[in-house]
Amino acid sequence: MRKKYTIQLGENELVLKELDLLKEDANVYKLIGPVLVKQDLAEANANVRKRIEYISAELKRLDATVQDLEEKQNSKKDTILKLQQRIQSLQSGKAKA
């Protein structure tokens, strides 16, 4: 999912750079299905910026989710290690007895 969003972000940033190079009176077309529809440059620019904001927000959300899951995983690892150490100490205590 993250890879998909990263690719989309790069594509949209490239489109934004291309739109910034255009003159105000340039023709801009948007592909909708099999048809190219003429679009206002300012509208196209706004749409691309909104898409970039959305994708960036999704990437941040995914990163936060991954970080949260990693923290939970580390917490569980620590718990398991403590339990293993406790079991080993109990087993060594029984072996001595």
PDB file of N, CA and C in Angstrom:
ATOM      1  N   MET A   1       0.829  -1.179   0.000  1.00  0.00           N
ATOM      2  CA  MET A   1       0.000   0.000   0.000  1.00  0.00           C
ATOM      3  C   MET A   1       0.887   1.261   0.000  1.00  0.00           C
ATOM      4  N   ARG A   2       1.904   1.215   0.855  1.00  0.00           N
ATOM      5  CA  ARG A   2       2.783   2.379   0.966  1.00  0.00           C
ATOM      6  C   ARG A   2       3.514   2.631  -0.354  1.00  0.00           C
ATOM      7  N   LYS A   3       3.946   1.543  -0.976  1.00  0.00           N
ATOM      8  CA  LYS A   3       4.654   1.663  -2.250  1.00  0.00           C
ATOM      9  C   LYS A   3       3.736   2.287  -3.305  1.00  0.00           C
ATOM     10  N   LYS A   4       2.485   1.867  -3.323  1.00  0.00           N
ATOM     11  CA  LYS A   4       1.504   2.402  -4.275  1.00  0.00           C
ATOM     12  C   LYS A   4       1.330   3.907  -4.073  1.00  0.00           C
ATOM     13  N   TYR A   5       1.171   4.323  -2.815  1.00  0.00           N
ATOM     14  CA  TYR A   5       0.994   5.745  -2.519  1.00  0.00           C
ATOM     15  C   TYR A   5       2.246   6.547  -2.848  1.00  0.00           C
ATOM     16  N   THR A   6       3.402   5.974  -2.593  1.00  0.00           N
ATOM     17  CA  THR A   6       4.663   6.660  -2.890  1.00  0.00           C
ATOM     18  C   THR A   6       4.802   6.894  -4.396  1.00  0.00           C
ATOM     19  N   ILE A   7       4.442   5.884  -5.182  1.00  0.00           N
ATOM     20  CA  ILE A   7       4.499   6.021  -6.640  1.00  0.00           C
ATOM     21  C   ILE A   7       3.513   7.091  -7.103  1.00  0.00           C
ATOM     22  N   GLN A   8       2.295   7.054  -6.568  1.00  0.00           N
ATOM     23  CA  GLN A   8       1.286   8.047  -6.943  1.00  0.00           C
ATOM     24  C   GLN A   8       1.729   9.464  -6.562  1.00  0.00           C
ATOM     25  N   LEU A   9       2.350   9.583  -5.399  1.00  0.00           N
ATOM     26  CA  LEU A   9       2.828  10.895  -4.961  1.00  0.00           C
ATOM     27  C   LEU A   9       3.872  11.430  -5.931  1.00  0.00           C
ATOM     28  N   GLY A  10       4.810  10.595  -6.325  1.00  0.00           N
ATOM     29  CA  GLY A  10       5.836  11.010  -7.285  1.00  0.00           C
ATOM     30  C   GLY A  10       5.239  11.425  -8.617  1.00  0.00           C
ATOM     31  N   GLU A  11       4.259  10.650  -9.102  1.00  0.00           N
ATOM     32  CA  GLU A  11       3.617  10.989 -10.366  1.00  0.00           C
ATOM     33  C   GLU A  11       2.896  12.332 -10.269  1.00  0.00           C
ATOM     34  N   ASN A  12       2.175  12.536  -9.181  1.00  0.00           N
ATOM     35  CA  ASN A  12       1.429  13.775  -9.024  1.00  0.00           C
ATOM     36  C   ASN A  12       2.346  14.979  -8.853  1.00  0.00           C
ATOM     37  N   GLU A  13       3.455  14.805  -8.170  1.00  0.00           N
ATOM     38  CA  GLU A  13       4.413  15.904  -8.034  1.00  0.00           C
ATOM     39  C   GLU A  13       5.011  16.259  -9.398  1.00  0.00           C
ATOM     40  N   LEU A  14       5.239  15.246 -10.220  1.00  0.00           N
ATOM     41  CA  LEU A  14       5.748  15.482 -11.573  1.00  0.00           C
ATOM     42  C   LEU A  14       4.715  16.243 -12.409  1.00  0.00           C
ATOM     43  N   VAL A  15       3.444  15.846 -12.284  1.00  0.00           N
ATOM     44  CA  VAL A  15       2.370  16.544 -13.002  1.00  0.00           C
ATOM     45  C   VAL A  15       2.296  17.998 -12.543  1.00  0.00           C
ATOM     46  N   LEU A  16       2.427  18.223 -11.244  1.00  0.00           N
ATOM     47  CA  LEU A  16       2.368  19.589 -10.712  1.00  0.00           C
ATOM     48  C   LEU A  16       3.502  20.443 -11.275  1.00  0.00           C
ATOM     49  N   LYS A  17       4.696  19.869 -11.365  1.00  0.00           N
ATOM     50  CA  LYS A  17       5.828  20.606 -11.944  1.00  0.00           C
ATOM     51  C   LYS A  17       5.546  20.962 -13.397  1.00  0.00           C
ATOM     52  N   GLU A  18       4.965  20.018 -14.126  1.00  0.00           N
ATOM     53  CA  GLU A  18       4.633  20.267 -15.530  1.00  0.00           C
ATOM     54  C   GLU A  18       3.570  21.359 -15.652  1.00  0.00           C
ATOM     55  N   LEU A  19       2.571  21.317 -14.778  1.00  0.00           N
ATOM     56  CA  LEU A  19       1.521  22.337 -14.812  1.00  0.00           C
ATOM     57  C   LEU A  19       2.078  23.722 -14.484  1.00  0.00           C
ATOM     58  N   ASP A  20       3.048  23.768 -13.581  1.00  0.00           N
ATOM     59  CA  ASP A  20       3.657  25.048 -13.212  1.00  0.00           C
ATOM     60  C   ASP A  20       4.442  25.668 -14.369  1.00  0.00           C
ATOM     61  N   LEU A  21       4.890  24.835 -15.300  1.00  0.00           N
ATOM     62  CA  LEU A  21       5.653  25.335 -16.447  1.00  0.00           C
ATOM     63  C   LEU A  21       4.753  25.943 -17.523  1.00  0.00           C
ATOM     64  N   LEU A  22       3.463  25.624 -17.481  1.00  0.00           N
ATOM     65  CA  LEU A  22       2.541  26.087 -18.521  1.00  0.00           C
ATOM     66  C   LEU A  22       2.181  27.553 -18.355  1.00  0.00           C
ATOM     67  N   LYS A  23       1.859  28.170 -19.465  1.00  0.00           N
ATOM     68  CA  LYS A  23       1.357  29.548 -19.448  1.00  0.00           C
ATOM     69  C   LYS A  23      -0.114  29.525 -19.078  1.00  0.00           C
ATOM     70  N   GLU A  24      -0.625  30.684 -18.655  1.00  0.00           N
ATOM     71  CA  GLU A  24      -2.019  30.787 -18.198  1.00  0.00           C
ATOM     72  C   GLU A  24      -3.029  30.392 -19.272  1.00  0.00           C
ATOM     73  N   ASP A  25      -2.703  30.639 -20.537  1.00  0.00           N
ATOM     74  CA  ASP A  25      -3.663  30.369 -21.605  1.00  0.00           C
ATOM     75  C   ASP A  25      -3.478  28.983 -22.238  1.00  0.00           C
ATOM     76  N   ALA A  26      -2.661  28.144 -21.635  1.00  0.00           N
ATOM     77  CA  ALA A  26      -2.396  26.813 -22.184  1.00  0.00           C
ATOM     78  C   ALA A  26      -3.624  25.917 -22.037  1.00  0.00           C
ATOM     79  N   ASN A  27      -3.784  25.021 -23.004  1.00  0.00           N
ATOM     80  CA  ASN A  27      -4.871  24.046 -22.943  1.00  0.00           C
ATOM     81  C   ASN A  27      -4.434  22.852 -22.108  1.00  0.00           C
ATOM     82  N   VAL A  28      -5.296  22.460 -21.181  1.00  0.00           N
ATOM     83  CA  VAL A  28      -5.021  21.312 -20.321  1.00  0.00           C
ATOM     84  C   VAL A  28      -6.176  20.334 -20.501  1.00  0.00           C
ATOM     85  N   TYR A  29      -5.846  19.067 -20.655  1.00  0.00           N
ATOM     86  CA  TYR A  29      -6.864  18.040 -20.838  1.00  0.00           C
ATOM     87  C   TYR A  29      -6.722  16.985 -19.764  1.00  0.00           C
ATOM     88  N   LYS A  30      -7.865  16.481 -19.330  1.00  0.00           N
ATOM     89  CA  LYS A  30      -7.894  15.438 -18.308  1.00  0.00           C
ATOM     90  C   LYS A  30      -8.487  14.187 -18.942  1.00  0.00           C
ATOM     91  N   LEU A  31      -7.852  13.061 -18.719  1.00  0.00           N
ATOM     92  CA  LEU A  31      -8.326  11.797 -19.268  1.00  0.00           C
ATOM     93  C   LEU A  31      -9.404  11.231 -18.349  1.00  0.00           C
ATOM     94  N   ILE A  32     -10.616  11.152 -18.861  1.00  0.00           N
ATOM     95  CA  ILE A  32     -11.736  10.564 -18.124  1.00  0.00           C
ATOM     96  C   ILE A  32     -12.229   9.393 -18.953  1.00  0.00           C
ATOM     97  N   GLY A  33     -11.897   8.201 -18.505  1.00  0.00           N
ATOM     98  CA  GLY A  33     -12.217   7.014 -19.308  1.00  0.00           C
ATOM     99  C   GLY A  33     -11.425   7.073 -20.603  1.00  0.00           C
ATOM    100  N   PRO A  34     -12.102   6.878 -21.732  1.00  0.00           N
ATOM    101  CA  PRO A  34     -11.396   6.933 -23.021  1.00  0.00           C
ATOM    102  C   PRO A  34     -11.396   8.337 -23.655  1.00  0.00           C
ATOM    103  N   VAL A  35     -11.893   9.343 -22.922  1.00  0.00           N
ATOM    104  CA  VAL A  35     -12.084  10.676 -23.486  1.00  0.00           C
ATOM    105  C   VAL A  35     -11.175  11.695 -22.812  1.00  0.00           C
ATOM    106  N   LEU A  36     -10.602  12.594 -23.617  1.00  0.00           N
ATOM    107  CA  LEU A  36      -9.855  13.737 -23.085  1.00  0.00           C
ATOM    108  C   LEU A  36     -10.818  14.909 -22.963  1.00  0.00           C
ATOM    109  N   VAL A  37     -10.935  15.445 -21.752  1.00  0.00           N
ATOM    110  CA  VAL A  37     -11.845  16.552 -21.488  1.00  0.00           C
ATOM    111  C   VAL A  37     -11.010  17.782 -21.158  1.00  0.00           C
ATOM    112  N   LYS A  38     -11.351  18.910 -21.822  1.00  0.00           N
ATOM    113  CA  LYS A  38     -10.617  20.147 -21.573  1.00  0.00           C
ATOM    114  C   LYS A  38     -10.897  20.624 -20.155  1.00  0.00           C
ATOM    115  N   GLN A  39      -9.834  21.089 -19.493  1.00  0.00           N
ATOM    116  CA  GLN A  39      -9.948  21.520 -18.104  1.00  0.00           C
ATOM    117  C   GLN A  39      -9.213  22.841 -17.928  1.00  0.00           C
ATOM    118  N   ASP A  40      -9.712  23.671 -17.055  1.00  0.00           N
ATOM    119  CA  ASP A  40      -9.081  24.943 -16.736  1.00  0.00           C
ATOM    120  C   ASP A  40      -7.759  24.668 -16.022  1.00  0.00           C
ATOM    121  N   LEU A  41      -6.729  25.434 -16.337  1.00  0.00           N
ATOM    122  CA  LEU A  41      -5.402  25.231 -15.741  1.00  0.00           C
ATOM    123  C   LEU A  41      -5.448  25.377 -14.223  1.00  0.00           C
ATOM    124  N   ALA A  42      -6.147  26.395 -13.739  1.00  0.00           N
ATOM    125  CA  ALA A  42      -6.227  26.608 -12.289  1.00  0.00           C
ATOM    126  C   ALA A  42      -6.943  25.438 -11.605  1.00  0.00           C
ATOM    127  N   GLU A  43      -7.989  24.920 -12.250  1.00  0.00           N
ATOM    128  CA  GLU A  43      -8.724  23.784 -11.689  1.00  0.00           C
ATOM    129  C   GLU A  43      -7.857  22.533 -11.666  1.00  0.00           C
ATOM    130  N   ALA A  44      -7.123  22.311 -12.746  1.00  0.00           N
ATOM    131  CA  ALA A  44      -6.225  21.157 -12.815  1.00  0.00           C
ATOM    132  C   ALA A  44      -5.156  21.259 -11.736  1.00  0.00           C
ATOM    133  N   ASN A  45      -4.602  22.454 -11.572  1.00  0.00           N
ATOM    134  CA  ASN A  45      -3.580  22.696 -10.556  1.00  0.00           C
ATOM    135  C   ASN A  45      -4.130  22.415  -9.159  1.00  0.00           C
ATOM    136  N   ALA A  46      -5.344  22.903  -8.900  1.00  0.00           N
ATOM    137  CA  ALA A  46      -5.966  22.696  -7.587  1.00  0.00           C
ATOM    138  C   ALA A  46      -6.241  21.211  -7.341  1.00  0.00           C
ATOM    139  N   ASN A  47      -6.709  20.512  -8.373  1.00  0.00           N
ATOM    140  CA  ASN A  47      -6.995  19.084  -8.225  1.00  0.00           C
ATOM    141  C   ASN A  47      -5.733  18.282  -7.909  1.00  0.00           C
ATOM    142  N   VAL A  48      -4.657  18.605  -8.595  1.00  0.00           N
ATOM    143  CA  VAL A  48      -3.393  17.889  -8.365  1.00  0.00           C
ATOM    144  C   VAL A  48      -2.874  18.183  -6.959  1.00  0.00           C
ATOM    145  N   ARG A  49      -2.971  19.433  -6.527  1.00  0.00           N
ATOM    146  CA  ARG A  49      -2.514  19.787  -5.171  1.00  0.00           C
ATOM    147  C   ARG A  49      -3.336  19.055  -4.107  1.00  0.00           C
ATOM    148  N   LYS A  50      -4.650  18.966  -4.312  1.00  0.00           N
ATOM    149  CA  LYS A  50      -5.499  18.237  -3.360  1.00  0.00           C
ATOM    150  C   LYS A  50      -5.136  16.763  -3.330  1.00  0.00           C
ATOM    151  N   ARG A  51      -4.863  16.205  -4.508  1.00  0.00           N
ATOM    152  CA  ARG A  51      -4.473  14.803  -4.576  1.00  0.00           C
ATOM    153  C   ARG A  51      -3.159  14.578  -3.834  1.00  0.00           C
ATOM    154  N   ILE A  52      -2.222  15.498  -3.997  1.00  0.00           N
ATOM    155  CA  ILE A  52      -0.927  15.391  -3.305  1.00  0.00           C
ATOM    156  C   ILE A  52      -1.143  15.471  -1.793  1.00  0.00           C
ATOM    157  N   GLU A  53      -1.991  16.388  -1.344  1.00  0.00           N
ATOM    158  CA  GLU A  53      -2.291  16.499   0.094  1.00  0.00           C
ATOM    159  C   GLU A  53      -2.898  15.209   0.619  1.00  0.00           C
ATOM    160  N   TYR A  54      -3.843  14.653  -0.126  1.00  0.00           N
ATOM    161  CA  TYR A  54      -4.504  13.413   0.297  1.00  0.00           C
ATOM    162  C   TYR A  54      -3.504  12.262   0.383  1.00  0.00           C
ATOM    163  N   ILE A  55      -2.692  12.111  -0.650  1.00  0.00           N
ATOM    164  CA  ILE A  55      -1.716  11.015  -0.678  1.00  0.00           C
ATOM    165  C   ILE A  55      -0.699  11.194   0.447  1.00  0.00           C
ATOM    166  N   SER A  56      -0.250  12.420   0.678  1.00  0.00           N
ATOM    167  CA  SER A  56       0.704  12.681   1.766  1.00  0.00           C
ATOM    168  C   SER A  56       0.088  12.337   3.121  1.00  0.00           C
ATOM    169  N   ALA A  57      -1.177  12.698   3.301  1.00  0.00           N
ATOM    170  CA  ALA A  57      -1.868  12.377   4.560  1.00  0.00           C
ATOM    171  C   ALA A  57      -1.995  10.865   4.732  1.00  0.00           C
ATOM    172  N   GLU A  58      -2.292  10.161   3.663  1.00  0.00           N
ATOM    173  CA  GLU A  58      -2.402   8.699   3.733  1.00  0.00           C
ATOM    174  C   GLU A  58      -1.049   8.072   4.065  1.00  0.00           C
ATOM    175  N   LEU A  59       0.016   8.596   3.482  1.00  0.00           N
ATOM    176  CA  LEU A  59       1.351   8.086   3.790  1.00  0.00           C
ATOM    177  C   LEU A  59       1.696   8.305   5.262  1.00  0.00           C
ATOM    178  N   LYS A  60       1.360   9.484   5.784  1.00  0.00           N
ATOM    179  CA  LYS A  60       1.612   9.757   7.202  1.00  0.00           C
ATOM    180  C   LYS A  60       0.804   8.816   8.084  1.00  0.00           C
ATOM    181  N   ARG A  61      -0.454   8.570   7.691  1.00  0.00           N
ATOM    182  CA  ARG A  61      -1.315   7.676   8.458  1.00  0.00           C
ATOM    183  C   ARG A  61      -0.738   6.254   8.439  1.00  0.00           C
ATOM    184  N   LEU A  62      -0.302   5.808   7.263  1.00  0.00           N
ATOM    185  CA  LEU A  62       0.281   4.466   7.161  1.00  0.00           C
ATOM    186  C   LEU A  62       1.565   4.363   7.984  1.00  0.00           C
ATOM    187  N   ASP A  63       2.395   5.407   7.935  1.00  0.00           N
ATOM    188  CA  ASP A  63       3.631   5.408   8.717  1.00  0.00           C
ATOM    189  C   ASP A  63       3.329   5.333  10.219  1.00  0.00           C
ATOM    190  N   ALA A  64       2.313   6.071  10.649  1.00  0.00           N
ATOM    191  CA  ALA A  64       1.928   6.048  12.061  1.00  0.00           C
ATOM    192  C   ALA A  64       1.420   4.662  12.451  1.00  0.00           C
ATOM    193  N   THR A  65       0.652   4.045  11.564  1.00  0.00           N
ATOM    194  CA  THR A  65       0.137   2.695  11.836  1.00  0.00           C
ATOM    195  C   THR A  65       1.288   1.701  11.935  1.00  0.00           C
ATOM    196  N   VAL A  66       2.233   1.793  11.009  1.00  0.00           N
ATOM    197  CA  VAL A  66       3.389   0.888  11.022  1.00  0.00           C
ATOM    198  C   VAL A  66       4.197   1.089  12.296  1.00  0.00           C
ATOM    199  N   GLN A  67       4.414   2.328  12.676  1.00  0.00           N
ATOM    200  CA  GLN A  67       5.182   2.623  13.889  1.00  0.00           C
ATOM    201  C   GLN A  67       4.468   2.063  15.120  1.00  0.00           C
ATOM    202  N   ASP A  68       3.165   2.236  15.173  1.00  0.00           N
ATOM    203  CA  ASP A  68       2.377   1.717  16.291  1.00  0.00           C
ATOM    204  C   ASP A  68       2.478   0.196  16.361  1.00  0.00           C
ATOM    205  N   LEU A  69       2.373  -0.460  15.210  1.00  0.00           N
ATOM    206  CA  LEU A  69       2.473  -1.922  15.174  1.00  0.00           C
ATOM    207  C   LEU A  69       3.874  -2.396  15.579  1.00  0.00           C
ATOM    208  N   GLU A  70       4.897  -1.657  15.157  1.00  0.00           N
ATOM    209  CA  GLU A  70       6.270  -2.020  15.544  1.00  0.00           C
ATOM    210  C   GLU A  70       6.460  -1.885  17.052  1.00  0.00           C
ATOM    211  N   GLU A  71       5.883  -0.827  17.631  1.00  0.00           N
ATOM    212  CA  GLU A  71       5.982  -0.651  19.090  1.00  0.00           C
ATOM    213  C   GLU A  71       5.274  -1.782  19.815  1.00  0.00           C
ATOM    214  N   LYS A  72       4.110  -2.176  19.328  1.00  0.00           N
ATOM    215  CA  LYS A  72       3.379  -3.290  19.940  1.00  0.00           C
ATOM    216  C   LYS A  72       4.168  -4.583  19.794  1.00  0.00           C
ATOM    217  N   GLN A  73       4.779  -4.773  18.631  1.00  0.00           N
ATOM    218  CA  GLN A  73       5.579  -5.966  18.396  1.00  0.00           C
ATOM    219  C   GLN A  73       6.765  -6.010  19.360  1.00  0.00           C
ATOM    220  N   ASN A  74       7.450  -4.894  19.535  1.00  0.00           N
ATOM    221  CA  ASN A  74       8.589  -4.843  20.455  1.00  0.00           C
ATOM    222  C   ASN A  74       8.146  -5.096  21.890  1.00  0.00           C
ATOM    223  N   SER A  75       6.988  -4.567  22.253  1.00  0.00           N
ATOM    224  CA  SER A  75       6.455  -4.790  23.592  1.00  0.00           C
ATOM    225  C   SER A  75       6.177  -6.279  23.813  1.00  0.00           C
ATOM    226  N   LYS A  76       5.585  -6.911  22.824  1.00  0.00           N
ATOM    227  CA  LYS A  76       5.294  -8.353  22.930  1.00  0.00           C
ATOM    228  C   LYS A  76       6.577  -9.166  22.982  1.00  0.00           C
ATOM    229  N   LYS A  77       7.582  -8.752  22.212  1.00  0.00           N
ATOM    230  CA  LYS A  77       8.883  -9.437  22.246  1.00  0.00           C
ATOM    231  C   LYS A  77       9.472  -9.379  23.650  1.00  0.00           C
ATOM    232  N   ASP A  78       9.434  -8.187  24.255  1.00  0.00           N
ATOM    233  CA  ASP A  78       9.968  -8.021  25.605  1.00  0.00           C
ATOM    234  C   ASP A  78       9.224  -8.906  26.592  1.00  0.00           C
ATOM    235  N   THR A  79       7.907  -8.959  26.469  1.00  0.00           N
ATOM    236  CA  THR A  79       7.102  -9.794  27.357  1.00  0.00           C
ATOM    237  C   THR A  79       7.475 -11.262  27.192  1.00  0.00           C
ATOM    238  N   ILE A  80       7.635 -11.702  25.961  1.00  0.00           N
ATOM    239  CA  ILE A  80       7.999 -13.097  25.690  1.00  0.00           C
ATOM    240  C   ILE A  80       9.377 -13.404  26.253  1.00  0.00           C
ATOM    241  N   LEU A  81      10.322 -12.501  26.060  1.00  0.00           N
ATOM    242  CA  LEU A  81      11.670 -12.725  26.587  1.00  0.00           C
ATOM    243  C   LEU A  81      11.660 -12.842  28.114  1.00  0.00           C
ATOM    244  N   LYS A  82      10.894 -11.987  28.769  1.00  0.00           N
ATOM    245  CA  LYS A  82      10.796 -12.042  30.226  1.00  0.00           C
ATOM    246  C   LYS A  82      10.177 -13.356  30.677  1.00  0.00           C
ATOM    247  N   LEU A  83       9.141 -13.795  29.973  1.00  0.00           N
ATOM    248  CA  LEU A  83       8.513 -15.066  30.319  1.00  0.00           C
ATOM    249  C   LEU A  83       9.468 -16.238  30.100  1.00  0.00           C
ATOM    250  N   GLN A  84      10.222 -16.204  29.012  1.00  0.00           N
ATOM    251  CA  GLN A  84      11.197 -17.267  28.744  1.00  0.00           C
ATOM    252  C   GLN A  84      12.264 -17.309  29.833  1.00  0.00           C
ATOM    253  N   GLN A  85      12.736 -16.128  30.241  1.00  0.00           N
ATOM    254  CA  GLN A  85      13.745 -16.081  31.310  1.00  0.00           C
ATOM    255  C   GLN A  85      13.171 -16.618  32.616  1.00  0.00           C
ATOM    256  N   ARG A  86      11.939 -16.283  32.891  1.00  0.00           N
ATOM    257  CA  ARG A  86      11.295 -16.754  34.124  1.00  0.00           C
ATOM    258  C   ARG A  86      11.128 -18.269  34.082  1.00  0.00           C
ATOM    259  N   ILE A  87      10.714 -18.800  32.941  1.00  0.00           N
ATOM    260  CA  ILE A  87      10.560 -20.254  32.799  1.00  0.00           C
ATOM    261  C   ILE A  87      11.907 -20.942  32.981  1.00  0.00           C
ATOM    262  N   GLN A  88      12.955 -20.390  32.370  1.00  0.00           N
ATOM    263  CA  GLN A  88      14.284 -20.980  32.509  1.00  0.00           C
ATOM    264  C   GLN A  88      14.753 -20.961  33.948  1.00  0.00           C
ATOM    265  N   SER A  89      14.482 -19.861  34.638  1.00  0.00           N
ATOM    266  CA  SER A  89      14.914 -19.797  36.046  1.00  0.00           C
ATOM    267  C   SER A  89      14.114 -20.790  36.889  1.00  0.00           C
ATOM    268  N   LEU A  90      12.842 -20.951  36.605  1.00  0.00           N
ATOM    269  CA  LEU A  90      12.047 -21.929  37.330  1.00  0.00           C
ATOM    270  C   LEU A  90      12.503 -23.347  37.036  1.00  0.00           C
ATOM    271  N   GLN A  91      12.833 -23.625  35.785  1.00  0.00           N
ATOM    272  CA  GLN A  91      13.304 -24.955  35.429  1.00  0.00           C
ATOM    273  C   GLN A  91      14.660 -25.246  36.051  1.00  0.00           C
ATOM    274  N   SER A  92      15.530 -24.273  36.091  1.00  0.00           N
ATOM    275  CA  SER A  92      16.846 -24.490  36.716  1.00  0.00           C
ATOM    276  C   SER A  92      16.676 -24.657  38.229  1.00  0.00           C
ATOM    277  N   GLY A  93      15.697 -24.003  38.819  1.00  0.00           N
ATOM    278  CA  GLY A  93      15.409 -24.165  40.252  1.00  0.00           C
ATOM    279  C   GLY A  93      14.895 -25.550  40.547  1.00  0.00           C
ATOM    280  N   LYS A  94      14.078 -26.128  39.677  1.00  0.00           N
ATOM    281  CA  LYS A  94      13.569 -27.493  39.864  1.00  0.00           C
ATOM    282  C   LYS A  94      14.666 -28.507  39.661  1.00  0.00           C
ATOM    283  N   ALA A  95      15.571 -28.218  38.719  1.00  0.00           N
ATOM    284  CA  ALA A  95      16.655 -29.149  38.431  1.00  0.00           C
ATOM    285  C   ALA A  95      17.586 -29.253  39.643  1.00  0.00           C
ATOM    286  N   LYS A  96      17.772 -28.158  40.369  1.00  0.00           N
ATOM    287  CA  LYS A  96      18.630 -28.166  41.560  1.00  0.00           C
ATOM    288  C   LYS A  96      17.977 -28.935  42.694  1.00  0.00           C
ATOM    289  N   ALA A  97      16.652 -28.923  42.738  1.00  0.00           N
ATOM    290  CA  ALA A  97      15.947 -29.574  43.846  1.00  0.00           C
ATOM    291  C   ALA A  97      15.823 -31.039  43.684  1.00  0.00           C
TER     292      ALA A  97
END
